[in-house]
Amino acid sequence: MLTDAELTVLGLVVERPRHGYELDEVVSERGMREWTALGFSSIYYVLGKLRDRGLVTEVAEERAHAKAKKTYAATDAGRRACAAAAEAAIAELRPVHPPLLAGLANSPAIPPERLAAALARRAEAVAERLVEVRRAAQADAPPFVRAIFDYSVKQLEAEAAWLEGLA
């Protein structure tokens, strides 16, 4: 079983051999930090775990970045593990536990005017995030990258409509 961070890093290395700095750039460009806990410092930690499990290996490559020391490529086992984990992540419906639900479950404890203000702040944040995601979506990106942004846009649009229905 791969964590979301492991699957994300492994998938990027399956695309092509990469070093940690390039992985960080791609994670930022594709907005992946919005849905996976993958900071710059954790990329090397994840690469080490994947290497220890035989899913990636260090390869000799020209240094595309001055600070890059190691480039990693996926092994055959890594490609198989990536495909299996990606398929499972797409096919299986897993519970999500957003803090919003805990807040709603306890909303009777909030004075009505403060609850209304909190929901208004959330609606504003959702609207701002929707603008950001739409701006970040790249029309020339590969279809699987566009699908990620489309999914995020649809989720944000659904939440905005839900919040509007509460008002």
C-alpha atoms as a PDB file:
ATOM      1  CA  MET A   1       0.000   0.000   0.000  1.00  0.00           C
ATOM      2  CA  LEU A   2       1.366   3.401  -0.973  1.00  0.00           C
ATOM      3  CA  THR A   3       0.519   6.629   0.810  1.00  0.00           C
ATOM      4  CA  ASP A   4      -0.773   9.527  -1.298  1.00  0.00           C
ATOM      5  CA  ALA A   5       2.657  11.179  -1.069  1.00  0.00           C
ATOM      6  CA  GLU A   6       4.436   7.974  -2.122  1.00  0.00           C
ATOM      7  CA  LEU A   7       2.063   7.424  -5.034  1.00  0.00           C
ATOM      8  CA  THR A   8       2.481  11.036  -6.145  1.00  0.00           C
ATOM      9  CA  VAL A   9       6.297  10.915  -6.108  1.00  0.00           C
ATOM     10  CA  LEU A  10       6.425   7.448  -7.649  1.00  0.00           C
ATOM     11  CA  GLY A  11       4.025   8.510 -10.406  1.00  0.00           C
ATOM     12  CA  LEU A  12       6.185  11.496 -11.291  1.00  0.00           C
ATOM     13  CA  VAL A  13       9.271   9.275 -11.429  1.00  0.00           C
ATOM     14  CA  VAL A  14       7.380   6.745 -13.569  1.00  0.00           C
ATOM     15  CA  GLU A  15       6.707   9.588 -16.040  1.00  0.00           C
ATOM     16  CA  ARG A  16      10.481  10.021 -16.407  1.00  0.00           C
ATOM     17  CA  PRO A  17      13.610   9.990 -14.238  1.00  0.00           C
ATOM     18  CA  ARG A  18      13.696  13.041 -11.974  1.00  0.00           C
ATOM     19  CA  HIS A  19      15.691  14.570  -9.166  1.00  0.00           C
ATOM     20  CA  GLY A  20      14.203  16.054  -6.016  1.00  0.00           C
ATOM     21  CA  TYR A  21      14.301  19.669  -7.182  1.00  0.00           C
ATOM     22  CA  GLU A  22      12.454  18.819 -10.380  1.00  0.00           C
ATOM     23  CA  LEU A  23       9.903  16.808  -8.401  1.00  0.00           C
ATOM     24  CA  ASP A  24       9.307  19.845  -6.187  1.00  0.00           C
ATOM     25  CA  GLU A  25       8.827  22.074  -9.252  1.00  0.00           C
ATOM     26  CA  VAL A  26       6.306  19.689 -10.840  1.00  0.00           C
ATOM     27  CA  VAL A  27       4.414  19.277  -7.557  1.00  0.00           C
ATOM     28  CA  SER A  28       4.101  23.079  -7.360  1.00  0.00           C
ATOM     29  CA  GLU A  29       3.216  23.583 -11.040  1.00  0.00           C
ATOM     30  CA  ARG A  30       0.461  20.969 -10.960  1.00  0.00           C
ATOM     31  CA  GLY A  31      -1.029  22.190  -7.670  1.00  0.00           C
ATOM     32  CA  MET A  32      -0.388  18.836  -6.013  1.00  0.00           C
ATOM     33  CA  ARG A  33       0.272  20.333  -2.594  1.00  0.00           C
ATOM     34  CA  GLU A  34      -3.423  21.136  -2.389  1.00  0.00           C
ATOM     35  CA  TRP A  35      -4.332  17.460  -2.119  1.00  0.00           C
ATOM     36  CA  THR A  36      -1.282  15.669  -0.803  1.00  0.00           C
ATOM     37  CA  ALA A  37       1.001  16.365   2.150  1.00  0.00           C
ATOM     38  CA  LEU A  38       4.202  16.690   0.168  1.00  0.00           C
ATOM     39  CA  GLY A  39       6.585  19.464   1.132  1.00  0.00           C
ATOM     40  CA  PHE A  40      10.038  19.919  -0.362  1.00  0.00           C
ATOM     41  CA  SER A  41      11.794  18.287   2.568  1.00  0.00           C
ATOM     42  CA  SER A  42       9.495  15.261   2.490  1.00  0.00           C
ATOM     43  CA  ILE A  43      10.229  14.548  -1.187  1.00  0.00           C
ATOM     44  CA  TYR A  44      13.679  13.171  -0.346  1.00  0.00           C
ATOM     45  CA  TYR A  45      12.277  11.212   2.587  1.00  0.00           C
ATOM     46  CA  VAL A  46       9.669   9.633   0.285  1.00  0.00           C
ATOM     47  CA  LEU A  47      12.292   8.918  -2.389  1.00  0.00           C
ATOM     48  CA  GLY A  48      14.383   7.127   0.253  1.00  0.00           C
ATOM     49  CA  LYS A  49      11.412   4.994   1.295  1.00  0.00           C
ATOM     50  CA  LEU A  50      10.619   4.139  -2.315  1.00  0.00           C
ATOM     51  CA  ARG A  51      14.287   3.272  -2.959  1.00  0.00           C
ATOM     52  CA  ASP A  52      14.415   1.044   0.127  1.00  0.00           C
ATOM     53  CA  ARG A  53      11.326  -0.823  -1.128  1.00  0.00           C
ATOM     54  CA  GLY A  54      12.903  -1.324  -4.564  1.00  0.00           C
ATOM     55  CA  LEU A  55      10.379   0.881  -6.361  1.00  0.00           C
ATOM     56  CA  VAL A  56      12.897   3.499  -7.551  1.00  0.00           C
ATOM     57  CA  THR A  57      16.603   3.421  -8.124  1.00  0.00           C
ATOM     58  CA  GLU A  58      19.305   6.059  -8.434  1.00  0.00           C
ATOM     59  CA  VAL A  59      20.499   6.531 -12.010  1.00  0.00           C
ATOM     60  CA  ALA A  60      23.389   8.383 -13.596  1.00  0.00           C
ATOM     61  CA  GLU A  61      21.970  11.430 -15.334  1.00  0.00           C
ATOM     62  CA  GLU A  62      23.194  14.859 -16.260  1.00  0.00           C
ATOM     63  CA  ARG A  63      22.419  17.308 -13.515  1.00  0.00           C
ATOM     64  CA  ALA A  64      19.561  19.429 -14.775  1.00  0.00           C
ATOM     65  CA  HIS A  65      19.707  21.498 -11.590  1.00  0.00           C
ATOM     66  CA  ALA A  66      22.899  22.756  -9.938  1.00  0.00           C
ATOM     67  CA  LYS A  67      21.845  21.488  -6.497  1.00  0.00           C
ATOM     68  CA  ALA A  68      20.626  18.094  -7.717  1.00  0.00           C
ATOM     69  CA  LYS A  69      22.767  15.234  -6.484  1.00  0.00           C
ATOM     70  CA  LYS A  70      20.699  12.171  -7.338  1.00  0.00           C
ATOM     71  CA  THR A  71      18.268  11.332 -10.096  1.00  0.00           C
ATOM     72  CA  TYR A  72      15.736   8.561  -9.565  1.00  0.00           C
ATOM     73  CA  ALA A  73      14.031   6.278 -12.056  1.00  0.00           C
ATOM     74  CA  ALA A  74      11.218   3.812 -11.475  1.00  0.00           C
ATOM     75  CA  THR A  75      12.004   0.127 -11.421  1.00  0.00           C
ATOM     76  CA  ASP A  76       9.722  -2.438 -13.063  1.00  0.00           C
ATOM     77  CA  ALA A  77       8.349  -3.190  -9.593  1.00  0.00           C
ATOM     78  CA  GLY A  78       7.794   0.552  -9.123  1.00  0.00           C
ATOM     79  CA  ARG A  79       5.847   0.834 -12.370  1.00  0.00           C
ATOM     80  CA  ARG A  80       3.641  -2.121 -11.359  1.00  0.00           C
ATOM     81  CA  ALA A  81       3.108  -0.731  -7.843  1.00  0.00           C
ATOM     82  CA  CYS A  82       2.265   2.707  -9.234  1.00  0.00           C
ATOM     83  CA  ALA A  83      -0.274   1.301 -11.684  1.00  0.00           C
ATOM     84  CA  ALA A  84      -1.931  -0.868  -9.023  1.00  0.00           C
ATOM     85  CA  ALA A  85      -2.071   1.926  -6.435  1.00  0.00           C
ATOM     86  CA  ALA A  86      -3.349   4.474  -8.969  1.00  0.00           C
ATOM     87  CA  GLU A  87      -6.066   2.095 -10.154  1.00  0.00           C
ATOM     88  CA  ALA A  88      -7.158   1.422  -6.572  1.00  0.00           C
ATOM     89  CA  ALA A  89      -7.157   5.139  -5.729  1.00  0.00           C
ATOM     90  CA  ILE A  90      -9.391   5.846  -8.722  1.00  0.00           C
ATOM     91  CA  ALA A  91     -11.762   2.900  -8.290  1.00  0.00           C
ATOM     92  CA  GLU A  92     -12.220   2.754  -4.520  1.00  0.00           C
ATOM     93  CA  LEU A  93     -14.498   5.166  -2.728  1.00  0.00           C
ATOM     94  CA  ARG A  94     -12.738   6.061   0.509  1.00  0.00           C
ATOM     95  CA  PRO A  95     -14.173   8.106   3.341  1.00  0.00           C
ATOM     96  CA  VAL A  96     -12.996  11.684   3.597  1.00  0.00           C
ATOM     97  CA  HIS A  97     -12.993  13.423   6.942  1.00  0.00           C
ATOM     98  CA  PRO A  98     -13.030  17.175   6.352  1.00  0.00           C
ATOM     99  CA  PRO A  99     -13.044  19.275   9.540  1.00  0.00           C
ATOM    100  CA  LEU A 100     -16.140  21.019   8.134  1.00  0.00           C
ATOM    101  CA  LEU A 101     -18.235  17.989   9.069  1.00  0.00           C
ATOM    102  CA  ALA A 102     -17.102  18.065  12.703  1.00  0.00           C
ATOM    103  CA  GLY A 103     -17.886  21.769  12.779  1.00  0.00           C
ATOM    104  CA  LEU A 104     -21.358  21.221  11.342  1.00  0.00           C
ATOM    105  CA  ALA A 105     -22.029  18.419  13.806  1.00  0.00           C
ATOM    106  CA  ASN A 106     -21.333  20.893  16.593  1.00  0.00           C
ATOM    107  CA  SER A 107     -22.849  23.985  14.991  1.00  0.00           C
ATOM    108  CA  PRO A 108     -25.738  24.160  17.510  1.00  0.00           C
ATOM    109  CA  ALA A 109     -23.108  25.391  19.996  1.00  0.00           C
ATOM    110  CA  ILE A 110     -22.389  28.435  17.810  1.00  0.00           C
ATOM    111  CA  PRO A 111     -24.574  31.539  18.174  1.00  0.00           C
ATOM    112  CA  PRO A 112     -26.618  31.921  14.942  1.00  0.00           C
ATOM    113  CA  GLU A 113     -24.996  35.211  13.884  1.00  0.00           C
ATOM    114  CA  ARG A 114     -21.498  33.733  14.316  1.00  0.00           C
ATOM    115  CA  LEU A 115     -22.480  30.590  12.419  1.00  0.00           C
ATOM    116  CA  ALA A 116     -23.775  32.738   9.549  1.00  0.00           C
ATOM    117  CA  ALA A 117     -20.526  34.740   9.573  1.00  0.00           C
ATOM    118  CA  ALA A 118     -18.417  31.560   9.574  1.00  0.00           C
ATOM    119  CA  LEU A 119     -20.368  30.164   6.620  1.00  0.00           C
ATOM    120  CA  ALA A 120     -19.967  33.496   4.787  1.00  0.00           C
ATOM    121  CA  ARG A 121     -16.191  33.400   5.398  1.00  0.00           C
ATOM    122  CA  ARG A 122     -16.084  29.852   4.062  1.00  0.00           C
ATOM    123  CA  ALA A 123     -18.092  30.844   0.979  1.00  0.00           C
ATOM    124  CA  GLU A 124     -15.653  33.690   0.341  1.00  0.00           C
ATOM    125  CA  ALA A 125     -12.663  31.351   0.741  1.00  0.00           C
ATOM    126  CA  VAL A 126     -14.232  28.807  -1.632  1.00  0.00           C
ATOM    127  CA  ALA A 127     -14.868  31.532  -4.237  1.00  0.00           C
ATOM    128  CA  GLU A 128     -11.260  32.756  -3.953  1.00  0.00           C
ATOM    129  CA  ARG A 129      -9.892  29.231  -4.224  1.00  0.00           C
ATOM    130  CA  LEU A 130     -12.069  28.577  -7.252  1.00  0.00           C
ATOM    131  CA  VAL A 131     -10.533  31.597  -9.005  1.00  0.00           C
ATOM    132  CA  GLU A 132      -7.021  30.377  -8.099  1.00  0.00           C
ATOM    133  CA  VAL A 133      -7.613  26.836  -9.361  1.00  0.00           C
ATOM    134  CA  ARG A 134      -9.172  28.043 -12.603  1.00  0.00           C
ATOM    135  CA  ARG A 135      -6.203  30.368 -13.133  1.00  0.00           C
ATOM    136  CA  ALA A 136      -3.689  27.590 -12.394  1.00  0.00           C
ATOM    137  CA  ALA A 137      -5.329  25.116 -14.772  1.00  0.00           C
ATOM    138  CA  GLN A 138      -3.270  24.929 -17.930  1.00  0.00           C
ATOM    139  CA  ALA A 139      -5.146  24.301 -21.171  1.00  0.00           C
ATOM    140  CA  ASP A 140      -2.051  22.752 -22.754  1.00  0.00           C
ATOM    141  CA  ALA A 141      -1.451  20.350 -19.847  1.00  0.00           C
ATOM    142  CA  PRO A 142      -1.745  16.595 -20.452  1.00  0.00           C
ATOM    143  CA  PRO A 143      -5.305  15.249 -20.108  1.00  0.00           C
ATOM    144  CA  PHE A 144      -4.620  13.592 -16.726  1.00  0.00           C
ATOM    145  CA  VAL A 145      -3.374  16.911 -15.295  1.00  0.00           C
ATOM    146  CA  ARG A 146      -6.410  18.757 -16.692  1.00  0.00           C
ATOM    147  CA  ALA A 147      -8.621  16.079 -15.100  1.00  0.00           C
ATOM    148  CA  ILE A 148      -7.122  16.870 -11.673  1.00  0.00           C
ATOM    149  CA  PHE A 149      -7.877  20.574 -12.056  1.00  0.00           C
ATOM    150  CA  ASP A 150     -11.362  19.837 -13.462  1.00  0.00           C
ATOM    151  CA  TYR A 151     -12.121  17.623 -10.461  1.00  0.00           C
ATOM    152  CA  SER A 152     -11.004  20.372  -8.069  1.00  0.00           C
ATOM    153  CA  VAL A 153     -13.096  22.970  -9.903  1.00  0.00           C
ATOM    154  CA  LYS A 154     -16.202  20.761  -9.798  1.00  0.00           C
ATOM    155  CA  GLN A 155     -15.739  20.089  -6.071  1.00  0.00           C
ATOM    156  CA  LEU A 156     -15.371  23.800  -5.337  1.00  0.00           C
ATOM    157  CA  GLU A 157     -18.388  24.655  -7.510  1.00  0.00           C
ATOM    158  CA  ALA A 158     -20.456  22.038  -5.674  1.00  0.00           C
ATOM    159  CA  GLU A 159     -19.412  23.408  -2.289  1.00  0.00           C
ATOM    160  CA  ALA A 160     -20.183  26.970  -3.412  1.00  0.00           C
ATOM    161  CA  ALA A 161     -23.684  25.868  -4.517  1.00  0.00           C
ATOM    162  CA  TRP A 162     -24.192  23.992  -1.235  1.00  0.00           C
ATOM    163  CA  LEU A 163     -23.156  27.055   0.781  1.00  0.00           C
ATOM    164  CA  GLU A 164     -25.439  29.268  -1.298  1.00  0.00           C
ATOM    165  CA  GLY A 165     -28.325  26.880  -0.534  1.00  0.00           C
ATOM    166  CA  LEU A 166     -27.714  27.304   3.197  1.00  0.00           C
ATOM    167  CA  ALA A 167     -28.080  31.070   3.045  1.00  0.00           C
END
